Every structure is written in structure tokens, then in C-alpha cells.
PDB file of N, CA and C in Angstrom:
ATOM      1  N   MET A   1      -2.889  -8.841  -9.074  1.00  0.00           N
ATOM      2  CA  MET A   1      -2.500  -7.561  -9.350  1.00  0.00           C
ATOM      3  C   MET A   1      -0.941  -7.342  -9.485  1.00  0.00           C
ATOM      4  N   LYS A   2      -0.440  -6.574 -10.371  1.00  0.00           N
ATOM      5  CA  LYS A   2       0.866  -6.438 -10.605  1.00  0.00           C
ATOM      6  C   LYS A   2       1.465  -5.345  -9.702  1.00  0.00           C
ATOM      7  N   VAL A   3       2.376  -5.596  -8.833  1.00  0.00           N
ATOM      8  CA  VAL A   3       2.976  -4.642  -7.686  1.00  0.00           C
ATOM      9  C   VAL A   3       4.528  -4.384  -7.922  1.00  0.00           C
ATOM     10  N   GLN A   4       4.778  -3.343  -8.210  1.00  0.00           N
ATOM     11  CA  GLN A   4       6.185  -2.640  -8.393  1.00  0.00           C
ATOM     12  C   GLN A   4       6.651  -2.274  -7.132  1.00  0.00           C
ATOM     13  N   MET A   5       7.719  -2.967  -6.389  1.00  0.00           N
ATOM     14  CA  MET A   5       8.295  -2.557  -5.182  1.00  0.00           C
ATOM     15  C   MET A   5       9.531  -2.091  -5.210  1.00  0.00           C
ATOM     16  N   GLN A   6       9.825  -0.828  -4.380  1.00  0.00           N
ATOM     17  CA  GLN A   6      11.106  -0.279  -4.291  1.00  0.00           C
ATOM     18  C   GLN A   6      11.484  -0.099  -2.745  1.00  0.00           C
ATOM     19  N   SER A   7      12.769  -0.403  -2.435  1.00  0.00           N
ATOM     20  CA  SER A   7      13.205  -0.032  -1.046  1.00  0.00           C
ATOM     21  C   SER A   7      14.396   0.939  -1.314  1.00  0.00           C
ATOM     22  N   VAL A   8      14.243   1.907  -0.482  1.00  0.00           N
ATOM     23  CA  VAL A   8      15.046   3.122  -0.456  1.00  0.00           C
ATOM     24  C   VAL A   8      16.232   3.082   0.749  1.00  0.00           C
ATOM     25  N   HIS A   9      17.332   2.947   0.365  1.00  0.00           N
ATOM     26  CA  HIS A   9      18.483   2.905   1.375  1.00  0.00           C
ATOM     27  C   HIS A   9      18.581   1.769   2.166  1.00  0.00           C
ATOM     28  N   PHE A  10      17.935   0.678   1.683  1.00  0.00           N
ATOM     29  CA  PHE A  10      18.183  -0.562   2.182  1.00  0.00           C
ATOM     30  C   PHE A  10      17.721  -1.923   1.319  1.00  0.00           C
ATOM     31  N   ASP A  11      17.975  -3.024   1.609  1.00  0.00           N
ATOM     32  CA  ASP A  11      17.797  -4.179   0.599  1.00  0.00           C
ATOM     33  C   ASP A  11      16.447  -4.845   1.343  1.00  0.00           C
ATOM     34  N   ALA A  12      15.373  -5.003   0.842  1.00  0.00           N
ATOM     35  CA  ALA A  12      14.311  -5.601   1.439  1.00  0.00           C
ATOM     36  C   ALA A  12      14.406  -7.233   1.141  1.00  0.00           C
ATOM     37  N   ASP A  13      14.125  -7.967   2.076  1.00  0.00           N
ATOM     38  CA  ASP A  13      14.275  -9.502   2.027  1.00  0.00           C
ATOM     39  C   ASP A  13      12.943  -9.860   1.407  1.00  0.00           C
ATOM     40  N   GLN A  14      12.912 -11.229   0.792  1.00  0.00           N
ATOM     41  CA  GLN A  14      11.844 -11.755   0.269  1.00  0.00           C
ATOM     42  C   GLN A  14      10.734 -11.880   1.055  1.00  0.00           C
ATOM     43  N   LYS A  15      10.758 -12.265   2.386  1.00  0.00           N
ATOM     44  CA  LYS A  15       9.911 -12.397   3.267  1.00  0.00           C
ATOM     45  C   LYS A  15       8.904 -11.228   3.346  1.00  0.00           C
ATOM     46  N   LEU A  16       9.608 -10.176   3.395  1.00  0.00           N
ATOM     47  CA  LEU A  16       8.866  -8.635   3.453  1.00  0.00           C
ATOM     48  C   LEU A  16       8.274  -8.410   2.192  1.00  0.00           C
ATOM     49  N   LEU A  17       8.883  -8.600   1.128  1.00  0.00           N
ATOM     50  CA  LEU A  17       8.222  -8.491  -0.351  1.00  0.00           C
ATOM     51  C   LEU A  17       6.925  -9.396  -0.312  1.00  0.00           C
ATOM     52  N   ASP A  18       7.058 -10.693   0.146  1.00  0.00           N
ATOM     53  CA  ASP A  18       5.766 -11.631  -0.182  1.00  0.00           C
ATOM     54  C   ASP A  18       4.710 -11.164   0.772  1.00  0.00           C
ATOM     55  N   PHE A  19       5.049 -10.550   1.866  1.00  0.00           N
ATOM     56  CA  PHE A  19       4.059 -10.162   2.996  1.00  0.00           C
ATOM     57  C   PHE A  19       3.311  -8.896   2.384  1.00  0.00           C
ATOM     58  N   ILE A  20       4.052  -8.204   1.625  1.00  0.00           N
ATOM     59  CA  ILE A  20       3.315  -6.745   1.078  1.00  0.00           C
ATOM     60  C   ILE A  20       2.395  -7.322  -0.129  1.00  0.00           C
ATOM     61  N   GLN A  21       3.075  -8.151  -0.876  1.00  0.00           N
ATOM     62  CA  GLN A  21       2.291  -8.618  -2.151  1.00  0.00           C
ATOM     63  C   GLN A  21       0.969  -9.333  -1.644  1.00  0.00           C
ATOM     64  N   LYS A  22       0.926 -10.334  -0.481  1.00  0.00           N
ATOM     65  CA  LYS A  22      -0.147 -10.846   0.039  1.00  0.00           C
ATOM     66  C   LYS A  22      -1.275  -9.817   0.437  1.00  0.00           C
ATOM     67  N   ARG A  23      -0.645  -8.805   1.194  1.00  0.00           N
ATOM     68  CA  ARG A  23      -1.603  -7.799   1.756  1.00  0.00           C
ATOM     69  C   ARG A  23      -2.361  -6.897   0.729  1.00  0.00           C
ATOM     70  N   LEU A  24      -1.716  -6.727  -0.418  1.00  0.00           N
ATOM     71  CA  LEU A  24      -2.205  -5.947  -1.425  1.00  0.00           C
ATOM     72  C   LEU A  24      -3.211  -6.797  -2.267  1.00  0.00           C
ATOM     73  N   ASP A  25      -2.824  -8.041  -2.477  1.00  0.00           N
ATOM     74  CA  ASP A  25      -3.669  -8.827  -3.000  1.00  0.00           C
ATOM     75  C   ASP A  25      -5.094  -8.932  -2.430  1.00  0.00           C
ATOM     76  N   LYS A  26      -5.181  -8.774  -1.220  1.00  0.00           N
ATOM     77  CA  LYS A  26      -6.405  -8.768  -0.643  1.00  0.00           C
ATOM     78  C   LYS A  26      -7.415  -7.560  -0.828  1.00  0.00           C
ATOM     79  N   LEU A  27      -6.721  -6.533  -1.417  1.00  0.00           N
ATOM     80  CA  LEU A  27      -7.561  -5.346  -1.746  1.00  0.00           C
ATOM     81  C   LEU A  27      -8.433  -5.635  -2.977  1.00  0.00           C
ATOM     82  N   GLU A  28      -7.985  -6.594  -3.703  1.00  0.00           N
ATOM     83  CA  GLU A  28      -8.871  -7.094  -4.932  1.00  0.00           C
ATOM     84  C   GLU A  28     -10.039  -7.525  -4.648  1.00  0.00           C
ATOM     85  N   THR A  29     -10.211  -8.105  -3.211  1.00  0.00           N
ATOM     86  CA  THR A  29     -11.670  -8.533  -2.767  1.00  0.00           C
ATOM     87  C   THR A  29     -12.648  -7.415  -2.595  1.00  0.00           C
ATOM     88  N   PHE A  30     -12.178  -6.342  -2.464  1.00  0.00           N
ATOM     89  CA  PHE A  30     -12.974  -5.323  -2.266  1.00  0.00           C
ATOM     90  C   PHE A  30     -13.442  -4.573  -3.578  1.00  0.00           C
ATOM     91  N   TYR A  31     -12.614  -4.493  -4.521  1.00  0.00           N
ATOM     92  CA  TYR A  31     -12.822  -4.052  -5.891  1.00  0.00           C
ATOM     93  C   TYR A  31     -11.824  -4.719  -6.882  1.00  0.00           C
ATOM     94  N   ASP A  32     -12.702  -5.519  -7.814  1.00  0.00           N
ATOM     95  CA  ASP A  32     -11.781  -6.246  -8.640  1.00  0.00           C
ATOM     96  C   ASP A  32     -11.180  -5.693  -9.894  1.00  0.00           C
ATOM     97  N   ARG A  33     -11.420  -4.472 -10.036  1.00  0.00           N
ATOM     98  CA  ARG A  33     -10.634  -3.637 -11.059  1.00  0.00           C
ATOM     99  C   ARG A  33      -9.517  -2.880 -10.737  1.00  0.00           C
ATOM    100  N   VAL A  34      -8.822  -3.202  -9.792  1.00  0.00           N
ATOM    101  CA  VAL A  34      -7.578  -2.690  -9.364  1.00  0.00           C
ATOM    102  C   VAL A  34      -6.540  -3.293 -10.387  1.00  0.00           C
ATOM    103  N   THR A  35      -5.805  -2.309 -11.101  1.00  0.00           N
ATOM    104  CA  THR A  35      -4.892  -2.600 -12.165  1.00  0.00           C
ATOM    105  C   THR A  35      -3.587  -3.041 -11.689  1.00  0.00           C
ATOM    106  N   GLU A  36      -2.973  -2.003 -11.022  1.00  0.00           N
ATOM    107  CA  GLU A  36      -1.735  -2.236 -10.555  1.00  0.00           C
ATOM    108  C   GLU A  36      -1.324  -1.264  -9.198  1.00  0.00           C
ATOM    109  N   GLY A  37      -0.213  -1.679  -8.617  1.00  0.00           N
ATOM    110  CA  GLY A  37       0.188  -0.959  -7.558  1.00  0.00           C
ATOM    111  C   GLY A  37       1.639  -0.577  -7.548  1.00  0.00           C
ATOM    112  N   GLU A  38       2.034   0.371  -6.750  1.00  0.00           N
ATOM    113  CA  GLU A  38       3.504   0.615  -6.513  1.00  0.00           C
ATOM    114  C   GLU A  38       3.763   0.776  -5.071  1.00  0.00           C
ATOM    115  N   VAL A  39       4.797   0.360  -4.451  1.00  0.00           N
ATOM    116  CA  VAL A  39       5.083   0.463  -3.142  1.00  0.00           C
ATOM    117  C   VAL A  39       6.448   0.884  -2.977  1.00  0.00           C
ATOM    118  N   ILE A  40       6.699   1.902  -2.180  1.00  0.00           N
ATOM    119  CA  ILE A  40       8.040   2.432  -1.853  1.00  0.00           C
ATOM    120  C   ILE A  40       8.162   2.487  -0.276  1.00  0.00           C
ATOM    121  N   MET A  41       9.264   1.618   0.153  1.00  0.00           N
ATOM    122  CA  MET A  41       9.586   1.708   1.406  1.00  0.00           C
ATOM    123  C   MET A  41      10.920   2.300   1.729  1.00  0.00           C
ATOM    124  N   ARG A  42      10.925   3.016   2.714  1.00  0.00           N
ATOM    125  CA  ARG A  42      12.074   3.744   3.050  1.00  0.00           C
ATOM    126  C   ARG A  42      12.362   3.869   4.470  1.00  0.00           C
ATOM    127  N   LEU A  43      13.672   3.974   4.926  1.00  0.00           N
ATOM    128  CA  LEU A  43      13.957   4.338   6.165  1.00  0.00           C
ATOM    129  C   LEU A  43      14.303   5.941   6.224  1.00  0.00           C
ATOM    130  N   ASN A  44      13.411   6.354   7.091  1.00  0.00           N
ATOM    131  CA  ASN A  44      13.539   7.920   7.212  1.00  0.00           C
ATOM    132  C   ASN A  44      14.417   8.277   8.413  1.00  0.00           C
ATOM    133  N   ASN A  45      14.813   9.544   8.635  1.00  0.00           N
ATOM    134  CA  ASN A  45      15.760  10.078   9.634  1.00  0.00           C
ATOM    135  C   ASN A  45      14.981  10.656  10.954  1.00  0.00           C
ATOM    136  N   LYS A  46      13.806  10.121  11.076  1.00  0.00           N
ATOM    137  CA  LYS A  46      12.977  10.555  12.196  1.00  0.00           C
ATOM    138  C   LYS A  46      13.632   9.964  13.479  1.00  0.00           C
ATOM    139  N   ASP A  47      13.558  10.716  14.497  1.00  0.00           N
ATOM    140  CA  ASP A  47      13.920  10.061  15.775  1.00  0.00           C
ATOM    141  C   ASP A  47      12.677   9.231  16.254  1.00  0.00           C
ATOM    142  N   GLY A  48      13.105   8.294  17.049  1.00  0.00           N
ATOM    143  CA  GLY A  48      11.885   7.616  17.749  1.00  0.00           C
ATOM    144  C   GLY A  48      11.723   6.171  17.090  1.00  0.00           C
ATOM    145  N   ILE A  49      10.487   5.577  17.280  1.00  0.00           N
ATOM    146  CA  ILE A  49      10.397   4.307  16.916  1.00  0.00           C
ATOM    147  C   ILE A  49       9.796   4.263  15.509  1.00  0.00           C
ATOM    148  N   ALA A  50       8.976   5.228  15.129  1.00  0.00           N
ATOM    149  CA  ALA A  50       8.328   5.203  13.776  1.00  0.00           C
ATOM    150  C   ALA A  50       9.197   5.835  12.693  1.00  0.00           C
ATOM    151  N   ASN A  51      10.245   5.148  12.439  1.00  0.00           N
ATOM    152  CA  ASN A  51      11.296   5.598  11.499  1.00  0.00           C
ATOM    153  C   ASN A  51      11.290   4.800  10.031  1.00  0.00           C
ATOM    154  N   LYS A  52      10.183   4.054   9.770  1.00  0.00           N
ATOM    155  CA  LYS A  52      10.054   3.278   8.559  1.00  0.00           C
ATOM    156  C   LYS A  52       8.723   3.789   7.852  1.00  0.00           C
ATOM    157  N   THR A  53       9.006   4.164   6.615  1.00  0.00           N
ATOM    158  CA  THR A  53       7.679   4.793   5.794  1.00  0.00           C
ATOM    159  C   THR A  53       7.488   3.672   4.749  1.00  0.00           C
ATOM    160  N   VAL A  54       6.096   3.537   4.423  1.00  0.00           N
ATOM    161  CA  VAL A  54       5.614   2.700   3.400  1.00  0.00           C
ATOM    162  C   VAL A  54       4.559   3.764   2.682  1.00  0.00           C
ATOM    163  N   GLU A  55       4.865   3.750   1.393  1.00  0.00           N
ATOM    164  CA  GLU A  55       3.896   4.618   0.345  1.00  0.00           C
ATOM    165  C   GLU A  55       3.289   3.690  -0.507  1.00  0.00           C
ATOM    166  N   ILE A  56       1.964   3.651  -0.672  1.00  0.00           N
ATOM    167  CA  ILE A  56       1.437   2.794  -1.676  1.00  0.00           C
ATOM    168  C   ILE A  56       0.541   3.475  -2.532  1.00  0.00           C
ATOM    169  N   LYS A  57       0.813   3.144  -3.938  1.00  0.00           N
ATOM    170  CA  LYS A  57      -0.123   3.837  -4.917  1.00  0.00           C
ATOM    171  C   LYS A  57      -0.898   2.745  -5.537  1.00  0.00           C
ATOM    172  N   VAL A  58      -2.147   2.876  -5.701  1.00  0.00           N
ATOM    173  CA  VAL A  58      -3.065   1.743  -6.353  1.00  0.00           C
ATOM    174  C   VAL A  58      -3.835   2.508  -7.489  1.00  0.00           C
ATOM    175  N   LEU A  59      -3.754   1.820  -8.689  1.00  0.00           N
ATOM    176  CA  LEU A  59      -4.399   2.517  -9.893  1.00  0.00           C
ATOM    177  C   LEU A  59      -5.599   1.664 -10.229  1.00  0.00           C
ATOM    178  N   VAL A  60      -6.657   2.411 -10.291  1.00  0.00           N
ATOM    179  CA  VAL A  60      -7.976   1.918 -10.573  1.00  0.00           C
ATOM    180  C   VAL A  60      -8.471   2.623 -11.681  1.00  0.00           C
ATOM    181  N   PRO A  61      -9.412   2.135 -12.512  1.00  0.00           N
ATOM    182  CA  PRO A  61      -9.852   2.840 -13.772  1.00  0.00           C
ATOM    183  C   PRO A  61     -10.365   4.225 -13.313  1.00  0.00           C
ATOM    184  N   GLY A  62      -9.674   5.243 -13.893  1.00  0.00           N
ATOM    185  CA  GLY A  62     -10.116   6.697 -13.626  1.00  0.00           C
ATOM    186  C   GLY A  62      -9.367   7.405 -12.606  1.00  0.00           C
ATOM    187  N   THR A  63      -8.553   6.788 -11.727  1.00  0.00           N
ATOM    188  CA  THR A  63      -7.989   7.621 -10.724  1.00  0.00           C
ATOM    189  C   THR A  63      -6.896   6.662 -10.021  1.00  0.00           C
ATOM    190  N   MET A  64      -6.075   7.346  -9.266  1.00  0.00           N
ATOM    191  CA  MET A  64      -5.075   6.748  -8.431  1.00  0.00           C
ATOM    192  C   MET A  64      -5.249   6.839  -6.858  1.00  0.00           C
ATOM    193  N   LEU A  65      -5.322   5.972  -6.280  1.00  0.00           N
ATOM    194  CA  LEU A  65      -5.451   6.132  -4.728  1.00  0.00           C
ATOM    195  C   LEU A  65      -4.086   6.058  -4.025  1.00  0.00           C
ATOM    196  N   PHE A  66      -3.933   6.656  -3.011  1.00  0.00           N
ATOM    197  CA  PHE A  66      -2.576   6.729  -2.284  1.00  0.00           C
ATOM    198  C   PHE A  66      -2.707   6.741  -0.893  1.00  0.00           C
ATOM    199  N   ALA A  67      -1.777   6.034  -0.265  1.00  0.00           N
ATOM    200  CA  ALA A  67      -1.613   5.924   1.294  1.00  0.00           C
ATOM    201  C   ALA A  67      -0.167   6.024   1.563  1.00  0.00           C
ATOM    202  N   GLN A  68       0.161   6.696   2.700  1.00  0.00           N
ATOM    203  CA  GLN A  68       1.446   6.752   3.163  1.00  0.00           C
ATOM    204  C   GLN A  68       1.295   6.540   4.866  1.00  0.00           C
ATOM    205  N   GLU A  69       2.219   5.807   5.331  1.00  0.00           N
ATOM    206  CA  GLU A  69       1.932   5.506   6.807  1.00  0.00           C
ATOM    207  C   GLU A  69       3.452   5.301   7.416  1.00  0.00           C
ATOM    208  N   ASP A  70       3.739   5.801   8.635  1.00  0.00           N
ATOM    209  CA  ASP A  70       4.992   5.541   9.308  1.00  0.00           C
ATOM    210  C   ASP A  70       4.666   4.705  10.476  1.00  0.00           C
ATOM    211  N   ALA A  71       5.675   3.739  10.784  1.00  0.00           N
ATOM    212  CA  ALA A  71       5.433   2.760  11.862  1.00  0.00           C
ATOM    213  C   ALA A  71       6.905   2.246  12.084  1.00  0.00           C
ATOM    214  N   GLY A  72       6.992   1.409  13.255  1.00  0.00           N
ATOM    215  CA  GLY A  72       8.228   0.990  13.891  1.00  0.00           C
ATOM    216  C   GLY A  72       8.617  -0.209  12.950  1.00  0.00           C
ATOM    217  N   THR A  73       7.704  -0.903  12.173  1.00  0.00           N
ATOM    218  CA  THR A  73       8.198  -1.979  11.212  1.00  0.00           C
ATOM    219  C   THR A  73       7.466  -1.695  10.056  1.00  0.00           C
ATOM    220  N   PHE A  74       8.124  -2.221   8.877  1.00  0.00           N
ATOM    221  CA  PHE A  74       7.455  -2.130   7.517  1.00  0.00           C
ATOM    222  C   PHE A  74       6.218  -2.884   7.511  1.00  0.00           C
ATOM    223  N   GLU A  75       6.065  -4.113   8.302  1.00  0.00           N
ATOM    224  CA  GLU A  75       4.797  -4.779   8.285  1.00  0.00           C
ATOM    225  C   GLU A  75       3.741  -3.868   8.873  1.00  0.00           C
ATOM    226  N   ALA A  76       3.843  -3.294   9.999  1.00  0.00           N
ATOM    227  CA  ALA A  76       2.816  -2.379  10.662  1.00  0.00           C
ATOM    228  C   ALA A  76       2.478  -1.362   9.641  1.00  0.00           C
ATOM    229  N   ALA A  77       3.531  -0.581   9.081  1.00  0.00           N
ATOM    230  CA  ALA A  77       3.238   0.498   8.148  1.00  0.00           C
ATOM    231  C   ALA A  77       2.388   0.004   6.796  1.00  0.00           C
ATOM    232  N   THR A  78       2.654  -1.133   6.433  1.00  0.00           N
ATOM    233  CA  THR A  78       1.943  -1.841   5.369  1.00  0.00           C
ATOM    234  C   THR A  78       0.609  -2.105   5.861  1.00  0.00           C
ATOM    235  N   ASP A  79       0.298  -2.648   6.925  1.00  0.00           N
ATOM    236  CA  ASP A  79      -1.004  -2.905   7.363  1.00  0.00           C
ATOM    237  C   ASP A  79      -1.876  -1.637   7.387  1.00  0.00           C
ATOM    238  N   ALA A  80      -1.374  -0.615   8.051  1.00  0.00           N
ATOM    239  CA  ALA A  80      -1.982   0.671   8.175  1.00  0.00           C
ATOM    240  C   ALA A  80      -2.329   1.267   6.776  1.00  0.00           C
ATOM    241  N   ALA A  81      -1.307   1.285   5.951  1.00  0.00           N
ATOM    242  CA  ALA A  81      -1.606   1.849   4.499  1.00  0.00           C
ATOM    243  C   ALA A  81      -2.590   1.000   3.598  1.00  0.00           C
ATOM    244  N   ALA A  82      -2.689  -0.293   3.956  1.00  0.00           N
ATOM    245  CA  ALA A  82      -3.516  -1.221   3.231  1.00  0.00           C
ATOM    246  C   ALA A  82      -4.901  -0.819   3.772  1.00  0.00           C
ATOM    247  N   ASP A  83      -5.019  -0.749   5.074  1.00  0.00           N
ATOM    248  CA  ASP A  83      -6.412  -0.451   5.671  1.00  0.00           C
ATOM    249  C   ASP A  83      -6.992   0.903   5.263  1.00  0.00           C
ATOM    250  N   SER A  84      -6.164   1.998   5.036  1.00  0.00           N
ATOM    251  CA  SER A  84      -6.474   3.072   4.390  1.00  0.00           C
ATOM    252  C   SER A  84      -6.927   3.084   3.125  1.00  0.00           C
ATOM    253  N   LEU A  85      -6.244   2.187   2.225  1.00  0.00           N
ATOM    254  CA  LEU A  85      -6.573   1.998   0.930  1.00  0.00           C
ATOM    255  C   LEU A  85      -7.890   1.291   0.714  1.00  0.00           C
ATOM    256  N   LYS A  86      -7.963   0.350   1.715  1.00  0.00           N
ATOM    257  CA  LYS A  86      -9.420  -0.461   1.583  1.00  0.00           C
ATOM    258  C   LYS A  86     -10.529   0.475   1.756  1.00  0.00           C
ATOM    259  N   ARG A  87     -10.533   1.463   2.805  1.00  0.00           N
ATOM    260  CA  ARG A  87     -11.529   2.546   2.905  1.00  0.00           C
ATOM    261  C   ARG A  87     -11.618   3.277   1.809  1.00  0.00           C
ATOM    262  N   GLN A  88     -10.404   3.768   1.114  1.00  0.00           N
ATOM    263  CA  GLN A  88     -10.583   4.495  -0.190  1.00  0.00           C
ATOM    264  C   GLN A  88     -11.134   3.782  -1.264  1.00  0.00           C
ATOM    265  N   ILE A  89     -10.911   2.445  -1.444  1.00  0.00           N
ATOM    266  CA  ILE A  89     -11.465   1.795  -2.488  1.00  0.00           C
ATOM    267  C   ILE A  89     -12.954   1.412  -2.386  1.00  0.00           C
ATOM    268  N   THR A  90     -13.427   1.207  -1.104  1.00  0.00           N
ATOM    269  CA  THR A  90     -14.772   1.012  -0.878  1.00  0.00           C
ATOM    270  C   THR A  90     -15.566   2.328  -1.144  1.00  0.00           C
ATOM    271  N   LYS A  91     -14.938   3.430  -0.855  1.00  0.00           N
ATOM    272  CA  LYS A  91     -15.547   4.765  -1.007  1.00  0.00           C
ATOM    273  C   LYS A  91     -15.760   5.055  -2.462  1.00  0.00           C
ATOM    274  N   TYR A  92     -14.684   4.632  -3.227  1.00  0.00           N
ATOM    275  CA  TYR A  92     -14.614   4.942  -4.546  1.00  0.00           C
ATOM    276  C   TYR A  92     -15.586   4.015  -5.243  1.00  0.00           C
ATOM    277  N   LYS A  93     -15.600   2.749  -4.936  1.00  0.00           N
ATOM    278  CA  LYS A  93     -16.545   1.771  -5.492  1.00  0.00           C
ATOM    279  C   LYS A  93     -18.021   2.143  -5.319  1.00  0.00           C
ATOM    280  N   ASP A  94     -18.295   2.643  -4.121  1.00  0.00           N
ATOM    281  CA  ASP A  94     -19.766   3.096  -3.878  1.00  0.00           C
ATOM    282  C   ASP A  94     -19.973   4.381  -4.752  1.00  0.00           C
ATOM    283  N   LYS A  95     -19.043   5.173  -4.879  1.00  0.00           N
ATOM    284  CA  LYS A  95     -19.334   6.346  -5.844  1.00  0.00           C
ATOM    285  C   LYS A  95     -19.419   5.978  -7.295  1.00  0.00           C
ATOM    286  N   MET A  96     -18.773   4.848  -7.750  1.00  0.00           N
ATOM    287  CA  MET A  96     -18.786   4.591  -8.994  1.00  0.00           C
ATOM    288  C   MET A  96     -20.340   3.894  -9.304  1.00  0.00           C
ATOM    289  N   VAL A  97     -20.732   3.163  -8.220  1.00  0.00           N
ATOM    290  CA  VAL A  97     -21.955   2.417  -8.370  1.00  0.00           C
ATOM    291  C   VAL A  97     -23.162   3.463  -8.360  1.00  0.00           C
ATOM    292  N   SER A  98     -22.901   4.271  -7.576  1.00  0.00           N
ATOM    293  CA  SER A  98     -24.209   5.393  -7.477  1.00  0.00           C
ATOM    294  C   SER A  98     -24.159   6.239  -8.660  1.00  0.00           C
ATOM    295  N   HIS A  99     -23.203   6.365  -9.551  1.00  0.00           N
ATOM    296  CA  HIS A  99     -23.322   7.113 -10.869  1.00  0.00           C
ATOM    297  C   HIS A  99     -23.952   6.462 -11.972  1.00  0.00           C
TER     298      HIS A  99
END
């Protein structure tokens, strides 16, 4: 899957970008028609530990799926958003199969 990544207000290192790419590639095991994805990572101004936000958009034929998560690290936020997208993809796939 082709993934476009953006980091807002910081420069993401290659290790983080590789982690996100690998995590999103796993989504293709649930539905092989995922065409592309877009990831936006940003540092927000919230007080406390969960000040890192990851937004993931995934395009599948006919719709776009979206997840946004806040966490203390970008890796944790990516895991949570990817798990949310996994549920959305399986629900979408079941809906397509039933039609």
C-alpha cells in the first residue's frame, strides 16, 4: 500500500516512518483492496501525557476510512488508530460481501 506521511511541527525519524508503514501494511491482510493511505502526525498543545496525535485515512474502493488517536508516543497512537481501522475494514468487508 502506498502511504503518504506528514509530520506537523517536528521532523519524524526514519525508524518511526518505517514502524508506521509496517503497521499499515498489516491492514492489507484483512482486506486486499486497500489502495492508499495518508498519515498525519502532530504534536498538540494538550497538557498531560497524551500530547501526540496520529490521524490515518485509508482509501478503499467506494469509501474512505478514518481514525484519529492521541497517546503519549506516536507508536502507541499508531497502534490504537490501526486497531480502529482494522475493525472498520472488517466491518466494511463484511458489508460488501453481504451485498
